């Protein structure tokens, strides 16, 4: 009798685990997506504008000012944060310092 009860409980646990497995996988995927979204939300408007401009190719600080309508100080601050985050990289162009999206950005 005890063996039957244990077998029944074990079967119920196995059934419940099988039913919950897809939910656990979805939960893990949602956690990853939420983390990615949170990282994007933390990026301020200045950083977003610089990244958007660099999606079309490398730019100098002056060119970024024209494209984004931001001040040089705002651009330099955004560039510093993006460099530290690894989203952009320095890319020399015609002897001038330019910036481009990093390979992982």
PDB file of N, CA and C in Angstrom:
ATOM      1  N   UNK A   1       0.817  -1.195   0.000  1.00  0.00           N
ATOM      2  CA  UNK A   1       0.000   0.000   0.000  1.00  0.00           C
ATOM      3  C   UNK A   1       0.863   1.262   0.000  1.00  0.00           C
ATOM      4  N   UNK A   2       1.876   1.307   0.848  1.00  0.00           N
ATOM      5  CA  UNK A   2       2.760   2.467   0.895  1.00  0.00           C
ATOM      6  C   UNK A   2       3.517   2.611  -0.422  1.00  0.00           C
ATOM      7  N   UNK A   3       3.897   1.483  -1.015  1.00  0.00           N
ATOM      8  CA  UNK A   3       4.610   1.526  -2.291  1.00  0.00           C
ATOM      9  C   UNK A   3       3.705   2.071  -3.384  1.00  0.00           C
ATOM     10  N   UNK A   4       2.431   1.709  -3.367  1.00  0.00           N
ATOM     11  CA  UNK A   4       1.475   2.226  -4.352  1.00  0.00           C
ATOM     12  C   UNK A   4       1.294   3.729  -4.205  1.00  0.00           C
ATOM     13  N   UNK A   5       1.188   4.171  -2.955  1.00  0.00           N
ATOM     14  CA  UNK A   5       1.016   5.599  -2.693  1.00  0.00           C
ATOM     15  C   UNK A   5       2.250   6.369  -3.165  1.00  0.00           C
ATOM     16  N   UNK A   6       3.426   5.859  -2.878  1.00  0.00           N
ATOM     17  CA  UNK A   6       4.661   6.510  -3.319  1.00  0.00           C
ATOM     18  C   UNK A   6       4.748   6.542  -4.845  1.00  0.00           C
ATOM     19  N   UNK A   7       4.373   5.491  -5.485  1.00  0.00           N
ATOM     20  CA  UNK A   7       4.391   5.452  -6.947  1.00  0.00           C
ATOM     21  C   UNK A   7       3.404   6.458  -7.528  1.00  0.00           C
ATOM     22  N   UNK A   8       2.240   6.579  -6.901  1.00  0.00           N
ATOM     23  CA  UNK A   8       1.224   7.528  -7.365  1.00  0.00           C
ATOM     24  C   UNK A   8       1.715   8.966  -7.198  1.00  0.00           C
ATOM     25  N   UNK A   9       2.278   9.260  -6.030  1.00  0.00           N
ATOM     26  CA  UNK A   9       2.795  10.609  -5.771  1.00  0.00           C
ATOM     27  C   UNK A   9       3.944  10.921  -6.732  1.00  0.00           C
ATOM     28  N   UNK A  10       4.813   9.947  -6.942  1.00  0.00           N
ATOM     29  CA  UNK A  10       5.929  10.140  -7.869  1.00  0.00           C
ATOM     30  C   UNK A  10       5.432  10.413  -9.286  1.00  0.00           C
ATOM     31  N   UNK A  11       4.426   9.689  -9.721  1.00  0.00           N
ATOM     32  CA  UNK A  11       3.854   9.902 -11.053  1.00  0.00           C
ATOM     33  C   UNK A  11       3.215  11.280 -11.156  1.00  0.00           C
ATOM     34  N   UNK A  12       2.529  11.725 -10.098  1.00  0.00           N
ATOM     35  CA  UNK A  12       1.910  13.055 -10.101  1.00  0.00           C
ATOM     36  C   UNK A  12       2.966  14.155 -10.167  1.00  0.00           C
ATOM     37  N   UNK A  13       4.049  13.952  -9.451  1.00  0.00           N
ATOM     38  CA  UNK A  13       5.152  14.928  -9.476  1.00  0.00           C
ATOM     39  C   UNK A  13       5.762  14.983 -10.871  1.00  0.00           C
ATOM     40  N   UNK A  14       6.000  13.822 -11.473  1.00  0.00           N
ATOM     41  CA  UNK A  14       6.555  13.778 -12.830  1.00  0.00           C
ATOM     42  C   UNK A  14       5.631  14.473 -13.826  1.00  0.00           C
ATOM     43  N   UNK A  15       4.332  14.243 -13.721  1.00  0.00           N
ATOM     44  CA  UNK A  15       3.362  14.890 -14.615  1.00  0.00           C
ATOM     45  C   UNK A  15       3.388  16.405 -14.436  1.00  0.00           C
ATOM     46  N   UNK A  16       3.439  16.840 -13.187  1.00  0.00           N
ATOM     47  CA  UNK A  16       3.441  18.289 -12.909  1.00  0.00           C
ATOM     48  C   UNK A  16       4.718  18.936 -13.425  1.00  0.00           C
ATOM     49  N   UNK A  17       5.857  18.270 -13.225  1.00  0.00           N
ATOM     50  CA  UNK A  17       7.135  18.792 -13.742  1.00  0.00           C
ATOM     51  C   UNK A  17       7.094  18.904 -15.261  1.00  0.00           C
ATOM     52  N   UNK A  18       6.549  17.900 -15.911  1.00  0.00           N
ATOM     53  CA  UNK A  18       6.449  17.936 -17.375  1.00  0.00           C
ATOM     54  C   UNK A  18       5.549  19.086 -17.827  1.00  0.00           C
ATOM     55  N   UNK A  19       4.487  19.343 -17.076  1.00  0.00           N
ATOM     56  CA  UNK A  19       3.574  20.432 -17.429  1.00  0.00           C
ATOM     57  C   UNK A  19       4.214  21.798 -17.201  1.00  0.00           C
ATOM     58  N   UNK A  20       5.061  21.916 -16.196  1.00  0.00           N
ATOM     59  CA  UNK A  20       5.662  23.210 -15.849  1.00  0.00           C
ATOM     60  C   UNK A  20       6.932  23.529 -16.633  1.00  0.00           C
ATOM     61  N   UNK A  21       7.575  22.522 -17.212  1.00  0.00           N
ATOM     62  CA  UNK A  21       8.847  22.725 -17.914  1.00  0.00           C
ATOM     63  C   UNK A  21       8.771  23.831 -18.973  1.00  0.00           C
ATOM     64  N   UNK A  22       7.737  23.880 -19.834  1.00  0.00           N
ATOM     65  CA  UNK A  22       7.653  24.980 -20.807  1.00  0.00           C
ATOM     66  C   UNK A  22       7.537  26.355 -20.144  1.00  0.00           C
ATOM     67  N   UNK A  23       6.833  26.416 -19.029  1.00  0.00           N
ATOM     68  CA  UNK A  23       6.698  27.692 -18.326  1.00  0.00           C
ATOM     69  C   UNK A  23       8.040  28.146 -17.761  1.00  0.00           C
ATOM     70  N   UNK A  24       8.824  27.218 -17.269  1.00  0.00           N
ATOM     71  CA  UNK A  24      10.147  27.552 -16.734  1.00  0.00           C
ATOM     72  C   UNK A  24      11.054  28.060 -17.861  1.00  0.00           C
ATOM     73  N   UNK A  25      10.997  27.409 -19.013  1.00  0.00           N
ATOM     74  CA  UNK A  25      11.799  27.854 -20.156  1.00  0.00           C
ATOM     75  C   UNK A  25      11.373  29.249 -20.603  1.00  0.00           C
ATOM     76  N   UNK A  26      10.066  29.491 -20.641  1.00  0.00           N
ATOM     77  CA  UNK A  26       9.575  30.823 -21.017  1.00  0.00           C
ATOM     78  C   UNK A  26      10.023  31.861 -19.997  1.00  0.00           C
ATOM     79  N   UNK A  27       9.974  31.505 -18.721  1.00  0.00           N
ATOM     80  CA  UNK A  27      10.410  32.401 -17.656  1.00  0.00           C
ATOM     81  C   UNK A  27      11.873  32.793 -17.854  1.00  0.00           C
ATOM     82  N   UNK A  28      12.711  31.828 -18.170  1.00  0.00           N
ATOM     83  CA  UNK A  28      14.127  32.118 -18.381  1.00  0.00           C
ATOM     84  C   UNK A  28      14.329  33.019 -19.600  1.00  0.00           C
ATOM     85  N   UNK A  29      13.573  32.794 -20.659  1.00  0.00           N
ATOM     86  CA  UNK A  29      13.670  33.653 -21.845  1.00  0.00           C
ATOM     87  C   UNK A  29      13.218  35.071 -21.515  1.00  0.00           C
ATOM     88  N   UNK A  30      12.154  35.187 -20.746  1.00  0.00           N
ATOM     89  CA  UNK A  30      11.653  36.512 -20.373  1.00  0.00           C
ATOM     90  C   UNK A  30      12.639  37.256 -19.487  1.00  0.00           C
ATOM     91  N   UNK A  31      13.302  36.539 -18.596  1.00  0.00           N
ATOM     92  CA  UNK A  31      14.338  37.175 -17.767  1.00  0.00           C
ATOM     93  C   UNK A  31      15.448  37.753 -18.636  1.00  0.00           C
ATOM     94  N   UNK A  32      15.879  36.996 -19.629  1.00  0.00           N
ATOM     95  CA  UNK A  32      16.917  37.485 -20.537  1.00  0.00           C
ATOM     96  C   UNK A  32      16.458  38.704 -21.318  1.00  0.00           C
ATOM     97  N   UNK A  33      15.236  38.665 -21.815  1.00  0.00           N
ATOM     98  CA  UNK A  33      14.703  39.799 -22.572  1.00  0.00           C
ATOM     99  C   UNK A  33      14.556  41.027 -21.683  1.00  0.00           C
ATOM    100  N   UNK A  34      14.104  40.824 -20.457  1.00  0.00           N
ATOM    101  CA  UNK A  34      13.954  41.945 -19.529  1.00  0.00           C
ATOM    102  C   UNK A  34      15.303  42.578 -19.209  1.00  0.00           C
ATOM    103  N   UNK A  35      16.319  41.755 -19.062  1.00  0.00           N
ATOM    104  CA  UNK A  35      17.664  42.276 -18.809  1.00  0.00           C
ATOM    105  C   UNK A  35      18.175  43.101 -19.970  1.00  0.00           C
ATOM    106  N   UNK A  36      17.928  42.633 -21.180  1.00  0.00           N
ATOM    107  CA  UNK A  36      18.356  43.376 -22.370  1.00  0.00           C
ATOM    108  C   UNK A  36      17.609  44.694 -22.470  1.00  0.00           C
ATOM    109  N   UNK A  37      16.320  44.672 -22.191  1.00  0.00           N
ATOM    110  CA  UNK A  37      15.530  45.913 -22.229  1.00  0.00           C
ATOM    111  C   UNK A  37      15.999  46.901 -21.179  1.00  0.00           C
ATOM    112  N   UNK A  38      16.282  46.399 -20.005  1.00  0.00           N
ATOM    113  CA  UNK A  38      16.736  47.275 -18.922  1.00  0.00           C
ATOM    114  C   UNK A  38      18.038  47.964 -19.300  1.00  0.00           C
ATOM    115  N   UNK A  39      18.930  47.228 -19.948  1.00  0.00           N
ATOM    116  CA  UNK A  39      20.200  47.814 -20.385  1.00  0.00           C
ATOM    117  C   UNK A  39      19.949  48.920 -21.401  1.00  0.00           C
ATOM    118  N   UNK A  40      18.993  48.728 -22.307  1.00  0.00           N
ATOM    119  CA  UNK A  40      18.673  49.752 -23.302  1.00  0.00           C
ATOM    120  C   UNK A  40      18.021  50.969 -22.651  1.00  0.00           C
ATOM    121  N   UNK A  41      17.165  50.733 -21.666  1.00  0.00           N
ATOM    122  CA  UNK A  41      16.485  51.841 -20.995  1.00  0.00           C
ATOM    123  C   UNK A  41      17.487  52.705 -20.250  1.00  0.00           C
ATOM    124  N   UNK A  42      18.515  52.081 -19.669  1.00  0.00           N
ATOM    125  CA  UNK A  42      19.522  52.840 -18.926  1.00  0.00           C
ATOM    126  C   UNK A  42      20.331  53.745 -19.837  1.00  0.00           C
ATOM    127  N   UNK A  43      20.390  53.426 -21.104  1.00  0.00           N
ATOM    128  CA  UNK A  43      21.118  54.270 -22.041  1.00  0.00           C
ATOM    129  C   UNK A  43      20.287  55.526 -22.254  1.00  0.00           C
ATOM    130  N   UNK A  44      20.856  56.680 -21.956  1.00  0.00           N
ATOM    131  CA  UNK A  44      20.131  57.932 -22.061  1.00  0.00           C
ATOM    132  C   UNK A  44      19.876  58.349 -23.501  1.00  0.00           C
ATOM    133  N   UNK A  45      19.129  59.416 -23.643  1.00  0.00           N
ATOM    134  CA  UNK A  45      18.759  59.914 -24.970  1.00  0.00           C
ATOM    135  C   UNK A  45      19.994  60.298 -25.779  1.00  0.00           C
ATOM    136  N   UNK A  46      20.986  60.879 -25.114  1.00  0.00           N
ATOM    137  CA  UNK A  46      22.216  61.261 -25.810  1.00  0.00           C
ATOM    138  C   UNK A  46      22.939  60.059 -26.374  1.00  0.00           C
ATOM    139  N   UNK A  47      23.064  59.024 -25.553  1.00  0.00           N
ATOM    140  CA  UNK A  47      23.735  57.811 -26.008  1.00  0.00           C
ATOM    141  C   UNK A  47      22.945  57.157 -27.143  1.00  0.00           C
ATOM    142  N   UNK A  48      21.625  57.164 -27.022  1.00  0.00           N
ATOM    143  CA  UNK A  48      20.791  56.574 -28.070  1.00  0.00           C
ATOM    144  C   UNK A  48      20.959  57.334 -29.384  1.00  0.00           C
ATOM    145  N   UNK A  49      21.043  58.658 -29.310  1.00  0.00           N
ATOM    146  CA  UNK A  49      21.211  59.468 -30.518  1.00  0.00           C
ATOM    147  C   UNK A  49      22.562  59.188 -31.181  1.00  0.00           C
ATOM    148  N   UNK A  50      23.604  59.068 -30.368  1.00  0.00           N
ATOM    149  CA  UNK A  50      24.937  58.788 -30.910  1.00  0.00           C
ATOM    150  C   UNK A  50      24.957  57.405 -31.559  1.00  0.00           C
ATOM    151  N   UNK A  51      24.402  56.407 -30.888  1.00  0.00           N
ATOM    152  CA  UNK A  51      24.368  55.052 -31.447  1.00  0.00           C
ATOM    153  C   UNK A  51      23.575  55.040 -32.753  1.00  0.00           C
ATOM    154  N   UNK A  52      22.447  55.742 -32.764  1.00  0.00           N
ATOM    155  CA  UNK A  52      21.630  55.781 -33.989  1.00  0.00           C
ATOM    156  C   UNK A  52      22.413  56.408 -35.137  1.00  0.00           C
ATOM    157  N   UNK A  53      23.163  57.467 -34.851  1.00  0.00           N
ATOM    158  CA  UNK A  53      23.960  58.112 -35.897  1.00  0.00           C
ATOM    159  C   UNK A  53      25.069  57.180 -36.392  1.00  0.00           C
ATOM    160  N   UNK A  54      25.670  56.441 -35.480  1.00  0.00           N
ATOM    161  CA  UNK A  54      26.777  55.558 -35.852  1.00  0.00           C
ATOM    162  C   UNK A  54      26.309  54.297 -36.573  1.00  0.00           C
ATOM    163  N   UNK A  55      25.021  54.033 -36.555  1.00  0.00           N
ATOM    164  CA  UNK A  55      24.501  52.895 -37.314  1.00  0.00           C
ATOM    165  C   UNK A  55      24.679  53.113 -38.817  1.00  0.00           C
ATOM    166  N   UNK A  56      24.915  54.366 -39.215  1.00  0.00           N
ATOM    167  CA  UNK A  56      25.084  54.707 -40.633  1.00  0.00           C
ATOM    168  C   UNK A  56      26.549  54.884 -41.008  1.00  0.00           C
ATOM    169  N   UNK A  57      27.458  54.589 -40.068  1.00  0.00           N
ATOM    170  CA  UNK A  57      28.879  54.699 -40.349  1.00  0.00           C
ATOM    171  C   UNK A  57      29.592  55.509 -39.287  1.00  0.00           C
ATOM    172  N   UNK A  58      30.906  55.591 -39.388  1.00  0.00           N
ATOM    173  CA  UNK A  58      31.697  56.294 -38.385  1.00  0.00           C
ATOM    174  C   UNK A  58      31.522  57.804 -38.529  1.00  0.00           C
ATOM    175  N   UNK A  59      31.674  58.506 -37.404  1.00  0.00           N
ATOM    176  CA  UNK A  59      31.550  59.966 -37.376  1.00  0.00           C
ATOM    177  C   UNK A  59      32.541  60.552 -36.388  1.00  0.00           C
ATOM    178  N   UNK A  60      32.982  61.759 -36.674  1.00  0.00           N
ATOM    179  CA  UNK A  60      33.781  62.524 -35.714  1.00  0.00           C
ATOM    180  C   UNK A  60      32.813  63.199 -34.749  1.00  0.00           C
ATOM    181  N   UNK A  61      33.348  63.814 -33.695  1.00  0.00           N
ATOM    182  CA  UNK A  61      32.497  64.533 -32.747  1.00  0.00           C
ATOM    183  C   UNK A  61      31.766  65.669 -33.463  1.00  0.00           C
ATOM    184  N   UNK A  62      32.455  66.372 -34.347  1.00  0.00           N
ATOM    185  CA  UNK A  62      31.814  67.464 -35.086  1.00  0.00           C
ATOM    186  C   UNK A  62      30.672  66.979 -35.957  1.00  0.00           C
ATOM    187  N   UNK A  63      30.901  65.854 -36.627  1.00  0.00           N
ATOM    188  CA  UNK A  63      29.835  65.296 -37.462  1.00  0.00           C
ATOM    189  C   UNK A  63      28.659  64.823 -36.617  1.00  0.00           C
ATOM    190  N   UNK A  64      28.962  64.257 -35.463  1.00  0.00           N
ATOM    191  CA  UNK A  64      27.882  63.829 -34.572  1.00  0.00           C
ATOM    192  C   UNK A  64      27.066  65.024 -34.099  1.00  0.00           C
ATOM    193  N   UNK A  65      27.738  66.169 -33.916  1.00  0.00           N
ATOM    194  CA  UNK A  65      27.022  67.385 -33.525  1.00  0.00           C
ATOM    195  C   UNK A  65      26.030  67.813 -34.585  1.00  0.00           C
ATOM    196  N   UNK A  66      26.421  67.718 -35.835  1.00  0.00           N
ATOM    197  CA  UNK A  66      25.529  68.089 -36.935  1.00  0.00           C
ATOM    198  C   UNK A  66      24.350  67.120 -37.014  1.00  0.00           C
ATOM    199  N   UNK A  67      24.652  65.837 -36.909  1.00  0.00           N
ATOM    200  CA  UNK A  67      23.626  64.805 -37.079  1.00  0.00           C
ATOM    201  C   UNK A  67      22.655  64.774 -35.903  1.00  0.00           C
ATOM    202  N   UNK A  68      23.165  64.957 -34.684  1.00  0.00           N
ATOM    203  CA  UNK A  68      22.322  64.806 -33.493  1.00  0.00           C
ATOM    204  C   UNK A  68      21.808  66.121 -32.932  1.00  0.00           C
ATOM    205  N   UNK A  69      22.354  67.246 -33.377  1.00  0.00           N
ATOM    206  CA  UNK A  69      22.006  68.565 -32.851  1.00  0.00           C
ATOM    207  C   UNK A  69      22.311  68.683 -31.360  1.00  0.00           C
ATOM    208  N   UNK A  70      23.322  67.927 -30.908  1.00  0.00           N
ATOM    209  CA  UNK A  70      23.759  68.005 -29.515  1.00  0.00           C
ATOM    210  C   UNK A  70      25.010  68.873 -29.436  1.00  0.00           C
ATOM    211  N   UNK A  71      25.288  69.398 -28.245  1.00  0.00           N
ATOM    212  CA  UNK A  71      26.499  70.185 -28.059  1.00  0.00           C
ATOM    213  C   UNK A  71      27.711  69.264 -28.016  1.00  0.00           C
ATOM    214  N   UNK A  72      28.864  69.828 -28.247  1.00  0.00           N
ATOM    215  CA  UNK A  72      30.098  69.043 -28.191  1.00  0.00           C
ATOM    216  C   UNK A  72      30.297  68.393 -26.832  1.00  0.00           C
ATOM    217  N   UNK A  73      29.975  69.126 -25.769  1.00  0.00           N
ATOM    218  CA  UNK A  73      30.131  68.573 -24.417  1.00  0.00           C
ATOM    219  C   UNK A  73      29.201  67.381 -24.201  1.00  0.00           C
ATOM    220  N   UNK A  74      27.970  67.492 -24.669  1.00  0.00           N
ATOM    221  CA  UNK A  74      27.028  66.374 -24.530  1.00  0.00           C
ATOM    222  C   UNK A  74      27.509  65.162 -25.315  1.00  0.00           C
ATOM    223  N   UNK A  75      28.008  65.415 -26.515  1.00  0.00           N
ATOM    224  CA  UNK A  75      28.488  64.304 -27.350  1.00  0.00           C
ATOM    225  C   UNK A  75      29.690  63.637 -26.702  1.00  0.00           C
ATOM    226  N   UNK A  76      30.646  64.438 -26.225  1.00  0.00           N
ATOM    227  CA  UNK A  76      31.837  63.852 -25.604  1.00  0.00           C
ATOM    228  C   UNK A  76      31.466  63.028 -24.372  1.00  0.00           C
ATOM    229  N   UNK A  77      30.517  63.508 -23.563  1.00  0.00           N
ATOM    230  CA  UNK A  77      30.080  62.748 -22.385  1.00  0.00           C
ATOM    231  C   UNK A  77      29.411  61.440 -22.809  1.00  0.00           C
ATOM    232  N   UNK A  78      28.571  61.504 -23.815  1.00  0.00           N
ATOM    233  CA  UNK A  78      27.899  60.297 -24.309  1.00  0.00           C
ATOM    234  C   UNK A  78      28.909  59.320 -24.890  1.00  0.00           C
ATOM    235  N   UNK A  79      29.865  59.842 -25.644  1.00  0.00           N
ATOM    236  CA  UNK A  79      30.898  58.995 -26.243  1.00  0.00           C
ATOM    237  C   UNK A  79      31.711  58.303 -25.151  1.00  0.00           C
ATOM    238  N   UNK A  80      32.076  59.034 -24.092  1.00  0.00           N
ATOM    239  CA  UNK A  80      32.829  58.423 -22.988  1.00  0.00           C
ATOM    240  C   UNK A  80      32.050  57.255 -22.375  1.00  0.00           C
ATOM    241  N   UNK A  81      30.757  57.471 -22.110  1.00  0.00           N
ATOM    242  CA  UNK A  81      29.940  56.408 -21.516  1.00  0.00           C
ATOM    243  C   UNK A  81      29.824  55.208 -22.462  1.00  0.00           C
ATOM    244  N   UNK A  82      29.640  55.485 -23.743  1.00  0.00           N
ATOM    245  CA  UNK A  82      29.502  54.400 -24.724  1.00  0.00           C
ATOM    246  C   UNK A  82      30.811  53.642 -24.908  1.00  0.00           C
ATOM    247  N   UNK A  83      31.931  54.347 -24.869  1.00  0.00           N
ATOM    248  CA  UNK A  83      33.235  53.680 -24.947  1.00  0.00           C
ATOM    249  C   UNK A  83      33.430  52.754 -23.754  1.00  0.00           C
ATOM    250  N   UNK A  84      33.111  53.267 -22.539  1.00  0.00           N
ATOM    251  CA  UNK A  84      33.247  52.452 -21.329  1.00  0.00           C
ATOM    252  C   UNK A  84      32.347  51.224 -21.377  1.00  0.00           C
ATOM    253  N   UNK A  85      31.154  51.382 -21.945  1.00  0.00           N
ATOM    254  CA  UNK A  85      30.200  50.274 -22.041  1.00  0.00           C
ATOM    255  C   UNK A  85      30.556  49.308 -23.161  1.00  0.00           C
ATOM    256  N   UNK A  86      31.507  49.685 -24.011  1.00  0.00           N
ATOM    257  CA  UNK A  86      31.909  48.819 -25.105  1.00  0.00           C
ATOM    258  C   UNK A  86      30.952  48.831 -26.291  1.00  0.00           C
ATOM    259  N   UNK A  87      30.067  49.816 -26.340  1.00  0.00           N
ATOM    260  CA  UNK A  87      29.099  49.891 -27.447  1.00  0.00           C
ATOM    261  C   UNK A  87      29.708  50.526 -28.690  1.00  0.00           C
ATOM    262  N   UNK A  88      30.694  51.410 -28.502  1.00  0.00           N
ATOM    263  CA  UNK A  88      31.360  52.042 -29.637  1.00  0.00           C
ATOM    264  C   UNK A  88      32.868  51.898 -29.467  1.00  0.00           C
ATOM    265  N   UNK A  89      33.586  52.201 -30.543  1.00  0.00           N
ATOM    266  CA  UNK A  89      35.046  52.128 -30.521  1.00  0.00           C
ATOM    267  C   UNK A  89      35.610  53.300 -31.314  1.00  0.00           C
ATOM    268  N   UNK A  90      36.855  53.659 -30.990  1.00  0.00           N
ATOM    269  CA  UNK A  90      37.536  54.695 -31.775  1.00  0.00           C
ATOM    270  C   UNK A  90      37.877  54.130 -33.143  1.00  0.00           C
ATOM    271  N   UNK A  91      37.695  54.969 -34.144  1.00  0.00           N
ATOM    272  CA  UNK A  91      38.008  54.548 -35.510  1.00  0.00           C
ATOM    273  C   UNK A  91      38.627  55.736 -36.218  1.00  0.00           C
ATOM    274  N   UNK A  92      39.934  55.697 -36.416  1.00  0.00           N
ATOM    275  CA  UNK A  92      40.593  56.801 -37.100  1.00  0.00           C
ATOM    276  C   UNK A  92      40.105  56.923 -38.540  1.00  0.00           C
ATOM    277  N   UNK A  93      39.944  58.168 -38.976  1.00  0.00           N
ATOM    278  CA  UNK A  93      39.507  58.399 -40.342  1.00  0.00           C
ATOM    279  C   UNK A  93      40.164  59.671 -40.849  1.00  0.00           C
ATOM    280  N   UNK A  94      40.953  59.550 -41.903  1.00  0.00           N
ATOM    281  CA  UNK A  94      41.654  60.686 -42.510  1.00  0.00           C
ATOM    282  C   UNK A  94      42.446  61.474 -41.467  1.00  0.00           C
ATOM    283  N   UNK A  95      43.116  60.751 -40.579  1.00  0.00           N
ATOM    284  CA  UNK A  95      43.948  61.379 -39.563  1.00  0.00           C
ATOM    285  C   UNK A  95      43.175  62.018 -38.424  1.00  0.00           C
ATOM    286  N   UNK A  96      41.877  61.826 -38.376  1.00  0.00           N
ATOM    287  CA  UNK A  96      41.052  62.400 -37.306  1.00  0.00           C
ATOM    288  C   UNK A  96      40.434  61.277 -36.487  1.00  0.00           C
ATOM    289  N   UNK A  97      40.096  61.601 -35.246  1.00  0.00           N
ATOM    290  CA  UNK A  97      39.451  60.620 -34.381  1.00  0.00           C
ATOM    291  C   UNK A  97      37.974  60.558 -34.752  1.00  0.00           C
ATOM    292  N   UNK A  98      37.528  59.364 -35.054  1.00  0.00           N
ATOM    293  CA  UNK A  98      36.115  59.138 -35.345  1.00  0.00           C
ATOM    294  C   UNK A  98      35.655  57.990 -34.461  1.00  0.00           C
ATOM    295  N   UNK A  99      34.370  57.781 -34.401  1.00  0.00           N
ATOM    296  CA  UNK A  99      33.805  56.713 -33.597  1.00  0.00           C
ATOM    297  C   UNK A  99      32.880  55.871 -34.461  1.00  0.00           C
ATOM    298  N   UNK A 100      32.847  54.584 -34.148  1.00  0.00           N
ATOM    299  CA  UNK A 100      32.002  53.647 -34.887  1.00  0.00           C
ATOM    300  C   UNK A 100      31.423  52.662 -33.886  1.00  0.00           C
ATOM    301  N   UNK A 101      30.367  52.003 -34.279  1.00  0.00           N
ATOM    302  CA  UNK A 101      29.791  50.967 -33.427  1.00  0.00           C
ATOM    303  C   UNK A 101      30.804  49.869 -33.224  1.00  0.00           C
ATOM    304  N   UNK A 102      30.879  49.353 -32.007  1.00  0.00           N
ATOM    305  CA  UNK A 102      31.751  48.215 -31.728  1.00  0.00           C
ATOM    306  C   UNK A 102      31.136  46.978 -32.355  1.00  0.00           C
ATOM    307  N   UNK A 103      31.949  45.982 -32.569  1.00  0.00           N
ATOM    308  CA  UNK A 103      31.460  44.746 -33.192  1.00  0.00           C
ATOM    309  C   UNK A 103      30.312  44.132 -32.411  1.00  0.00           C
ATOM    310  N   UNK A 104      30.324  44.247 -31.073  1.00  0.00           N
ATOM    311  CA  UNK A 104      29.287  43.620 -30.242  1.00  0.00           C
ATOM    312  C   UNK A 104      28.098  44.535 -30.003  1.00  0.00           C
ATOM    313  N   UNK A 105      28.126  45.767 -30.486  1.00  0.00           N
ATOM    314  CA  UNK A 105      27.022  46.693 -30.209  1.00  0.00           C
ATOM    315  C   UNK A 105      25.807  46.388 -31.014  1.00  0.00           C
TER     316      UNK A 105
END
